[in-house]
Amino acid sequence: MKVFIAGGRGRVGSRLAGDLEARGIEAVPGGLEDGIDVISGKGLAEALVGVDTIVNVLNTPRFDAEGAISFFEGAINNLTAEGKRAGVRHHIVLSIVGVGEGDASDIGYYLGKVAQEKAVRSASIPATIIRATQFHSYVPVLIDQHTVDGKVLAPRSFIQPVELDEVVDLLAEAVTTLEPGSVVEIAGPDRFYHDDLFRATLAHRGDHREVVTVDGQEPLEAMVPRGAYRTGTVRYPIAGIPTA
């Protein structure tokens, strides 16, 4: 089996490549560092020769709706067009828990992920969607994103972070055993409120920023599973946080 990982040099893609190679599966990283630009199409046709499965873990720093939608839809369209010509049989996309409901948030980035899911579902290559909650390691970044004038503005809404390695394991399972057409969600074993999680994380890191609880602009359960999901086993690495 030969797998092309779009975004294969990132924190998810690089770990997935190592996991697949340990299983005896050839993993082809596809990123700008490899001379491959999925958005422009440069180098893509050559990289997909002999590929059975595409795993799409591409990401963008664009949080505006126009930029995010253009990026995620454009990547799907190019991967589908070149993948179809190369005989690719399966396209696996990493998405986010909540966006599949279509009401998670009006933040542009999430609208981009909604568009990504719609595009891959309607594409000609059979697809599998893996939706994950926020990674444990991303929580400090999330705190920074919620910081305004030195204060952390945290909604009293749910968050259920998951360990990155468990998401990578699920992606590898999708490559090796899941039937195309599957939609699988994964979340960590514990559900918290954002403000409680942020306060505990900052205290653990010796960061004295004040956390201010604010009204959320989205439903309480917007970014946690609302149906069946895979439960991770690795707990958030700070003990004693109240669960929701």
C-alpha atoms as a PDB file:
ATOM      1  CA  MET A   1       0.000   0.000   0.000  1.00  0.00           C
ATOM      2  CA  LYS A   2       1.148   3.519  -0.795  1.00  0.00           C
ATOM      3  CA  VAL A   3      -0.315   6.497   1.063  1.00  0.00           C
ATOM      4  CA  PHE A   4       0.010  10.175   0.192  1.00  0.00           C
ATOM      5  CA  ILE A   5      -0.222  12.448   3.247  1.00  0.00           C
ATOM      6  CA  ALA A   6      -1.259  15.973   2.294  1.00  0.00           C
ATOM      7  CA  GLY A   7       0.327  18.048   5.035  1.00  0.00           C
ATOM      8  CA  GLY A   8       2.727  15.222   5.825  1.00  0.00           C
ATOM      9  CA  ARG A   9       5.395  17.386   7.463  1.00  0.00           C
ATOM     10  CA  GLY A  10       3.071  18.865  10.106  1.00  0.00           C
ATOM     11  CA  ARG A  11       2.574  17.649  13.655  1.00  0.00           C
ATOM     12  CA  VAL A  12      -0.208  15.251  12.652  1.00  0.00           C
ATOM     13  CA  GLY A  13       1.131  14.184   9.268  1.00  0.00           C
ATOM     14  CA  SER A  14       4.696  13.512  10.418  1.00  0.00           C
ATOM     15  CA  ARG A  15       3.503  11.271  13.249  1.00  0.00           C
ATOM     16  CA  LEU A  16       1.123   9.467  10.930  1.00  0.00           C
ATOM     17  CA  ALA A  17       3.908   8.861   8.411  1.00  0.00           C
ATOM     18  CA  GLY A  18       6.032   7.264  11.119  1.00  0.00           C
ATOM     19  CA  ASP A  19       3.119   5.111  12.288  1.00  0.00           C
ATOM     20  CA  LEU A  20       2.337   3.870   8.773  1.00  0.00           C
ATOM     21  CA  GLU A  21       5.953   3.143   7.940  1.00  0.00           C
ATOM     22  CA  ALA A  22       6.225   1.086  11.143  1.00  0.00           C
ATOM     23  CA  ARG A  23       3.365  -1.002   9.741  1.00  0.00           C
ATOM     24  CA  GLY A  24       5.210  -1.524   6.467  1.00  0.00           C
ATOM     25  CA  ILE A  25       3.132   1.016   4.520  1.00  0.00           C
ATOM     26  CA  GLU A  26       4.882   3.460   2.204  1.00  0.00           C
ATOM     27  CA  ALA A  27       4.034   7.027   3.230  1.00  0.00           C
ATOM     28  CA  VAL A  28       4.635   9.893   0.798  1.00  0.00           C
ATOM     29  CA  PRO A  29       4.687  13.309   2.527  1.00  0.00           C
ATOM     30  CA  GLY A  30       3.050  16.036   0.489  1.00  0.00           C
ATOM     31  CA  GLY A  31       3.891  19.586   1.436  1.00  0.00           C
ATOM     32  CA  LEU A  32       5.745  22.651   0.227  1.00  0.00           C
ATOM     33  CA  GLU A  33       8.953  21.244   1.725  1.00  0.00           C
ATOM     34  CA  ASP A  34       8.590  18.305  -0.658  1.00  0.00           C
ATOM     35  CA  GLY A  35       8.071  20.487  -3.716  1.00  0.00           C
ATOM     36  CA  ILE A  36       4.330  19.783  -3.693  1.00  0.00           C
ATOM     37  CA  ASP A  37       1.727  22.545  -3.553  1.00  0.00           C
ATOM     38  CA  VAL A  38      -1.732  21.036  -3.218  1.00  0.00           C
ATOM     39  CA  ILE A  39      -3.404  24.410  -3.741  1.00  0.00           C
ATOM     40  CA  SER A  40      -1.635  25.308  -6.990  1.00  0.00           C
ATOM     41  CA  GLY A  41      -1.292  21.681  -8.033  1.00  0.00           C
ATOM     42  CA  LYS A  42       2.494  21.899  -8.486  1.00  0.00           C
ATOM     43  CA  GLY A  43       4.090  18.445  -8.196  1.00  0.00           C
ATOM     44  CA  LEU A  44       0.812  16.791  -7.202  1.00  0.00           C
ATOM     45  CA  ALA A  45       0.290  14.528 -10.224  1.00  0.00           C
ATOM     46  CA  GLU A  46       3.798  13.100  -9.917  1.00  0.00           C
ATOM     47  CA  ALA A  47       3.440  12.528  -6.152  1.00  0.00           C
ATOM     48  CA  LEU A  48       0.200  10.576  -6.569  1.00  0.00           C
ATOM     49  CA  VAL A  49       1.542   7.983  -8.996  1.00  0.00           C
ATOM     50  CA  GLY A  50       0.846   4.540  -7.527  1.00  0.00           C
ATOM     51  CA  VAL A  51      -0.964   5.938  -4.488  1.00  0.00           C
ATOM     52  CA  ASP A  52      -3.887   3.925  -3.077  1.00  0.00           C
ATOM     53  CA  THR A  53      -5.038   6.312  -0.345  1.00  0.00           C
ATOM     54  CA  ILE A  54      -4.838  10.041   0.334  1.00  0.00           C
ATOM     55  CA  VAL A  55      -4.829  11.238   3.944  1.00  0.00           C
ATOM     56  CA  ASN A  56      -5.633  14.939   4.063  1.00  0.00           C
ATOM     57  CA  VAL A  57      -4.398  16.656   7.238  1.00  0.00           C
ATOM     58  CA  LEU A  58      -3.743  20.021   5.589  1.00  0.00           C
ATOM     59  CA  ASN A  59      -4.239  23.129   7.668  1.00  0.00           C
ATOM     60  CA  THR A  60      -4.309  26.865   7.102  1.00  0.00           C
ATOM     61  CA  PRO A  61      -3.644  29.873   9.329  1.00  0.00           C
ATOM     62  CA  ARG A  62      -6.504  31.722   7.614  1.00  0.00           C
ATOM     63  CA  PHE A  63      -9.398  32.275  10.031  1.00  0.00           C
ATOM     64  CA  ASP A  64     -11.464  34.458   7.698  1.00  0.00           C
ATOM     65  CA  ALA A  65     -14.295  32.649   5.934  1.00  0.00           C
ATOM     66  CA  GLU A  66     -13.205  33.533   2.403  1.00  0.00           C
ATOM     67  CA  GLY A  67      -9.626  32.383   2.936  1.00  0.00           C
ATOM     68  CA  ALA A  68     -10.480  29.206   4.840  1.00  0.00           C
ATOM     69  CA  ILE A  69     -13.224  28.092   2.462  1.00  0.00           C
ATOM     70  CA  SER A  70     -11.045  28.777  -0.580  1.00  0.00           C
ATOM     71  CA  PHE A  71      -8.150  26.809   0.917  1.00  0.00           C
ATOM     72  CA  PHE A  72     -10.061  23.743   2.083  1.00  0.00           C
ATOM     73  CA  GLU A  73     -12.318  23.483  -0.980  1.00  0.00           C
ATOM     74  CA  GLY A  74      -9.418  24.100  -3.351  1.00  0.00           C
ATOM     75  CA  ALA A  75      -7.357  21.355  -1.733  1.00  0.00           C
ATOM     76  CA  ILE A  76     -10.215  18.858  -2.007  1.00  0.00           C
ATOM     77  CA  ASN A  77     -10.830  19.735  -5.648  1.00  0.00           C
ATOM     78  CA  ASN A  78      -7.179  19.371  -6.647  1.00  0.00           C
ATOM     79  CA  LEU A  79      -6.624  16.176  -4.670  1.00  0.00           C
ATOM     80  CA  THR A  80      -9.774  14.697  -6.189  1.00  0.00           C
ATOM     81  CA  ALA A  81      -8.904  15.642  -9.766  1.00  0.00           C
ATOM     82  CA  GLU A  82      -5.334  14.367  -9.642  1.00  0.00           C
ATOM     83  CA  GLY A  83      -6.229  11.454  -7.397  1.00  0.00           C
ATOM     84  CA  LYS A  84      -8.899  10.244  -9.793  1.00  0.00           C
ATOM     85  CA  ARG A  85      -6.414  10.293 -12.670  1.00  0.00           C
ATOM     86  CA  ALA A  86      -3.901   8.357 -10.545  1.00  0.00           C
ATOM     87  CA  GLY A  87      -6.409   5.688  -9.524  1.00  0.00           C
ATOM     88  CA  VAL A  88      -6.648   6.658  -5.843  1.00  0.00           C
ATOM     89  CA  ARG A  89      -9.391   4.610  -4.161  1.00  0.00           C
ATOM     90  CA  HIS A  90      -9.813   6.279  -0.761  1.00  0.00           C
ATOM     91  CA  HIS A  91      -9.596   9.859   0.555  1.00  0.00           C
ATOM     92  CA  ILE A  92      -9.386  10.325   4.332  1.00  0.00           C
ATOM     93  CA  VAL A  93      -9.923  13.794   5.766  1.00  0.00           C
ATOM     94  CA  LEU A  94      -9.161  14.987   9.301  1.00  0.00           C
ATOM     95  CA  SER A  95     -11.896  17.360  10.440  1.00  0.00           C
ATOM     96  CA  ILE A  96     -13.189  18.787  13.718  1.00  0.00           C
ATOM     97  CA  VAL A  97     -15.894  17.531  16.054  1.00  0.00           C
ATOM     98  CA  GLY A  98     -18.828  19.930  15.803  1.00  0.00           C
ATOM     99  CA  VAL A  99     -18.425  21.210  12.269  1.00  0.00           C
ATOM    100  CA  GLY A 100     -20.407  18.286  10.905  1.00  0.00           C
ATOM    101  CA  GLU A 101     -23.474  19.721  12.585  1.00  0.00           C
ATOM    102  CA  GLY A 102     -23.070  22.917  10.593  1.00  0.00           C
ATOM    103  CA  ASP A 103     -23.854  25.104  13.597  1.00  0.00           C
ATOM    104  CA  ALA A 104     -20.603  24.956  15.531  1.00  0.00           C
ATOM    105  CA  SER A 105     -19.484  28.514  14.991  1.00  0.00           C
ATOM    106  CA  ASP A 106     -19.524  31.395  12.560  1.00  0.00           C
ATOM    107  CA  ILE A 107     -15.729  31.664  12.820  1.00  0.00           C
ATOM    108  CA  GLY A 108     -14.345  31.567   9.308  1.00  0.00           C
ATOM    109  CA  TYR A 109     -12.004  28.649   9.967  1.00  0.00           C
ATOM    110  CA  TYR A 110     -14.874  26.394  11.026  1.00  0.00           C
ATOM    111  CA  LEU A 111     -16.909  27.449   8.018  1.00  0.00           C
ATOM    112  CA  GLY A 112     -13.926  26.362   5.947  1.00  0.00           C
ATOM    113  CA  LYS A 113     -14.000  22.921   7.560  1.00  0.00           C
ATOM    114  CA  VAL A 114     -17.746  22.650   6.922  1.00  0.00           C
ATOM    115  CA  ALA A 115     -17.052  23.420   3.267  1.00  0.00           C
ATOM    116  CA  GLN A 116     -14.241  20.858   3.236  1.00  0.00           C
ATOM    117  CA  GLU A 117     -16.553  18.100   4.477  1.00  0.00           C
ATOM    118  CA  LYS A 118     -19.219  18.980   1.926  1.00  0.00           C
ATOM    119  CA  ALA A 119     -16.664  18.993  -0.881  1.00  0.00           C
ATOM    120  CA  VAL A 120     -15.124  15.625  -0.016  1.00  0.00           C
ATOM    121  CA  ARG A 121     -18.538  14.009   0.410  1.00  0.00           C
ATOM    122  CA  SER A 122     -19.611  15.084  -3.059  1.00  0.00           C
ATOM    123  CA  ALA A 123     -16.274  14.219  -4.707  1.00  0.00           C
ATOM    124  CA  SER A 124     -15.775  11.203  -6.954  1.00  0.00           C
ATOM    125  CA  ILE A 125     -13.263   9.398  -4.689  1.00  0.00           C
ATOM    126  CA  PRO A 126     -14.877   7.475  -1.777  1.00  0.00           C
ATOM    127  CA  ALA A 127     -14.100   9.345   1.439  1.00  0.00           C
ATOM    128  CA  THR A 128     -13.800   8.787   5.162  1.00  0.00           C
ATOM    129  CA  ILE A 129     -14.073  11.674   7.614  1.00  0.00           C
ATOM    130  CA  ILE A 130     -12.309  11.550  10.987  1.00  0.00           C
ATOM    131  CA  ARG A 131     -13.436  14.296  13.359  1.00  0.00           C
ATOM    132  CA  ALA A 132     -11.376  15.089  16.453  1.00  0.00           C
ATOM    133  CA  THR A 133     -11.762  17.477  19.361  1.00  0.00           C
ATOM    134  CA  GLN A 134      -8.950  19.848  20.323  1.00  0.00           C
ATOM    135  CA  PHE A 135      -5.609  18.193  21.016  1.00  0.00           C
ATOM    136  CA  HIS A 136      -4.179  18.331  24.559  1.00  0.00           C
ATOM    137  CA  SER A 137      -1.070  20.057  23.212  1.00  0.00           C
ATOM    138  CA  TYR A 138      -3.128  22.784  21.520  1.00  0.00           C
ATOM    139  CA  VAL A 139      -4.846  24.061  24.674  1.00  0.00           C
ATOM    140  CA  PRO A 140      -2.104  26.660  25.469  1.00  0.00           C
ATOM    141  CA  VAL A 141      -2.452  28.009  21.911  1.00  0.00           C
ATOM    142  CA  LEU A 142      -6.209  28.138  22.366  1.00  0.00           C
ATOM    143  CA  ILE A 143      -5.699  30.148  25.548  1.00  0.00           C
ATOM    144  CA  ASP A 144      -3.545  32.644  23.646  1.00  0.00           C
ATOM    145  CA  GLN A 145      -6.262  32.945  21.005  1.00  0.00           C
ATOM    146  CA  HIS A 146      -8.766  33.835  23.737  1.00  0.00           C
ATOM    147  CA  THR A 147      -6.497  36.484  25.300  1.00  0.00           C
ATOM    148  CA  VAL A 148      -7.561  40.105  24.926  1.00  0.00           C
ATOM    149  CA  ASP A 149      -5.636  42.933  26.607  1.00  0.00           C
ATOM    150  CA  GLY A 150      -3.857  40.473  28.864  1.00  0.00           C
ATOM    151  CA  LYS A 151      -7.002  38.704  30.061  1.00  0.00           C
ATOM    152  CA  VAL A 152      -8.235  35.308  28.913  1.00  0.00           C
ATOM    153  CA  LEU A 153     -11.901  35.513  27.896  1.00  0.00           C
ATOM    154  CA  ALA A 154     -13.176  31.970  28.328  1.00  0.00           C
ATOM    155  CA  PRO A 155     -16.688  30.783  27.498  1.00  0.00           C
ATOM    156  CA  ARG A 156     -18.598  28.564  29.891  1.00  0.00           C
ATOM    157  CA  SER A 157     -18.990  25.938  27.185  1.00  0.00           C
ATOM    158  CA  PHE A 158     -17.789  22.362  26.852  1.00  0.00           C
ATOM    159  CA  ILE A 159     -14.388  21.170  25.663  1.00  0.00           C
ATOM    160  CA  GLN A 160     -13.246  17.541  25.577  1.00  0.00           C
ATOM    161  CA  PRO A 161      -9.581  17.495  24.533  1.00  0.00           C
ATOM    162  CA  VAL A 162      -7.933  14.396  23.101  1.00  0.00           C
ATOM    163  CA  GLU A 163      -4.342  13.167  22.968  1.00  0.00           C
ATOM    164  CA  LEU A 164      -2.821  13.655  19.509  1.00  0.00           C
ATOM    165  CA  ASP A 165      -1.321  10.162  19.358  1.00  0.00           C
ATOM    166  CA  GLU A 166      -4.789   8.651  19.711  1.00  0.00           C
ATOM    167  CA  VAL A 167      -6.008  10.680  16.735  1.00  0.00           C
ATOM    168  CA  VAL A 168      -3.005   9.483  14.724  1.00  0.00           C
ATOM    169  CA  ASP A 169      -3.832   5.879  15.679  1.00  0.00           C
ATOM    170  CA  LEU A 170      -7.383   6.383  14.396  1.00  0.00           C
ATOM    171  CA  LEU A 171      -6.123   7.848  11.110  1.00  0.00           C
ATOM    172  CA  ALA A 172      -3.856   4.838  10.663  1.00  0.00           C
ATOM    173  CA  GLU A 173      -6.829   2.580  11.348  1.00  0.00           C
ATOM    174  CA  ALA A 174      -8.794   4.448   8.693  1.00  0.00           C
ATOM    175  CA  VAL A 175      -5.992   3.743   6.217  1.00  0.00           C
ATOM    176  CA  THR A 176      -5.776   0.044   7.007  1.00  0.00           C
ATOM    177  CA  THR A 177      -9.247  -1.147   8.032  1.00  0.00           C
ATOM    178  CA  LEU A 178     -12.074   1.403   7.848  1.00  0.00           C
ATOM    179  CA  GLU A 179     -14.407   1.190   4.888  1.00  0.00           C
ATOM    180  CA  PRO A 180     -14.672   4.331   2.740  1.00  0.00           C
ATOM    181  CA  GLY A 181     -17.770   6.277   3.661  1.00  0.00           C
ATOM    182  CA  SER A 182     -17.209   6.035   7.407  1.00  0.00           C
ATOM    183  CA  VAL A 183     -17.510   9.049   9.693  1.00  0.00           C
ATOM    184  CA  VAL A 184     -15.805   8.559  13.057  1.00  0.00           C
ATOM    185  CA  GLU A 185     -15.509  11.089  15.860  1.00  0.00           C
ATOM    186  CA  ILE A 186     -12.927  10.910  18.634  1.00  0.00           C
ATOM    187  CA  ALA A 187     -12.764  12.852  21.900  1.00  0.00           C
ATOM    188  CA  GLY A 188     -10.873  12.556  25.151  1.00  0.00           C
ATOM    189  CA  PRO A 189     -12.253  10.730  28.198  1.00  0.00           C
ATOM    190  CA  ASP A 190     -13.096  13.874  30.188  1.00  0.00           C
ATOM    191  CA  ARG A 191     -15.311  16.853  29.428  1.00  0.00           C
ATOM    192  CA  PHE A 192     -14.525  20.232  30.985  1.00  0.00           C
ATOM    193  CA  TYR A 193     -15.718  23.807  30.791  1.00  0.00           C
ATOM    194  CA  HIS A 194     -13.341  26.056  28.861  1.00  0.00           C
ATOM    195  CA  ASP A 195     -12.841  28.470  31.753  1.00  0.00           C
ATOM    196  CA  ASP A 196     -12.015  25.711  34.269  1.00  0.00           C
ATOM    197  CA  LEU A 197      -9.578  24.069  31.853  1.00  0.00           C
ATOM    198  CA  PHE A 198      -7.896  27.367  31.021  1.00  0.00           C
ATOM    199  CA  ARG A 199      -7.461  28.352  34.690  1.00  0.00           C
ATOM    200  CA  ALA A 200      -5.940  24.992  35.609  1.00  0.00           C
ATOM    201  CA  THR A 201      -3.622  24.997  32.598  1.00  0.00           C
ATOM    202  CA  LEU A 202      -2.367  28.507  33.312  1.00  0.00           C
ATOM    203  CA  ALA A 203      -1.834  27.730  37.014  1.00  0.00           C
ATOM    204  CA  HIS A 204       0.092  24.593  36.116  1.00  0.00           C
ATOM    205  CA  ARG A 205       2.351  26.605  33.797  1.00  0.00           C
ATOM    206  CA  GLY A 206       2.879  29.401  36.330  1.00  0.00           C
ATOM    207  CA  ASP A 207       1.100  31.847  34.058  1.00  0.00           C
ATOM    208  CA  HIS A 208      -0.742  34.542  36.043  1.00  0.00           C
ATOM    209  CA  ARG A 209      -3.112  35.746  33.359  1.00  0.00           C
ATOM    210  CA  GLU A 210      -6.627  36.266  34.683  1.00  0.00           C
ATOM    211  CA  VAL A 211      -9.356  34.081  33.194  1.00  0.00           C
ATOM    212  CA  VAL A 212     -12.679  35.879  32.812  1.00  0.00           C
ATOM    213  CA  THR A 213     -15.760  33.752  32.199  1.00  0.00           C
ATOM    214  CA  VAL A 214     -17.850  35.162  29.360  1.00  0.00           C
ATOM    215  CA  ASP A 215     -21.032  34.181  27.601  1.00  0.00           C
ATOM    216  CA  GLY A 216     -20.339  31.864  24.694  1.00  0.00           C
ATOM    217  CA  GLN A 217     -21.433  32.837  21.187  1.00  0.00           C
ATOM    218  CA  GLU A 218     -22.232  29.257  20.237  1.00  0.00           C
ATOM    219  CA  PRO A 219     -24.227  26.354  21.736  1.00  0.00           C
ATOM    220  CA  LEU A 220     -22.932  24.819  24.984  1.00  0.00           C
ATOM    221  CA  GLU A 221     -22.175  21.498  23.242  1.00  0.00           C
ATOM    222  CA  ALA A 222     -21.047  22.963  19.918  1.00  0.00           C
ATOM    223  CA  MET A 223     -17.537  21.526  19.920  1.00  0.00           C
ATOM    224  CA  VAL A 224     -18.020  18.185  21.683  1.00  0.00           C
ATOM    225  CA  PRO A 225     -19.576  14.988  20.307  1.00  0.00           C
ATOM    226  CA  ARG A 226     -23.357  14.899  20.216  1.00  0.00           C
ATOM    227  CA  GLY A 227     -23.667  11.331  18.990  1.00  0.00           C
ATOM    228  CA  ALA A 228     -21.617   8.137  19.050  1.00  0.00           C
ATOM    229  CA  TYR A 229     -17.858   8.637  19.227  1.00  0.00           C
ATOM    230  CA  ARG A 230     -14.563   6.930  19.977  1.00  0.00           C
ATOM    231  CA  THR A 231     -13.374   7.723  23.507  1.00  0.00           C
ATOM    232  CA  GLY A 232      -9.674   8.231  24.035  1.00  0.00           C
ATOM    233  CA  THR A 233      -8.031   6.754  27.094  1.00  0.00           C
ATOM    234  CA  VAL A 234      -5.327   9.351  27.791  1.00  0.00           C
ATOM    235  CA  ARG A 235      -6.441  11.949  30.308  1.00  0.00           C
ATOM    236  CA  TYR A 236      -5.524  15.615  30.169  1.00  0.00           C
ATOM    237  CA  PRO A 237      -2.111  15.905  31.875  1.00  0.00           C
ATOM    238  CA  ILE A 238      -3.306  18.088  34.777  1.00  0.00           C
ATOM    239  CA  ALA A 239      -5.184  16.453  37.630  1.00  0.00           C
ATOM    240  CA  GLY A 240      -8.016  17.897  39.687  1.00  0.00           C
ATOM    241  CA  ILE A 241      -9.872  19.917  37.038  1.00  0.00           C
ATOM    242  CA  PRO A 242     -13.665  19.770  37.646  1.00  0.00           C
ATOM    243  CA  THR A 243     -15.402  17.804  34.909  1.00  0.00           C
ATOM    244  CA  ALA A 244     -18.549  19.054  33.239  1.00  0.00           C
END
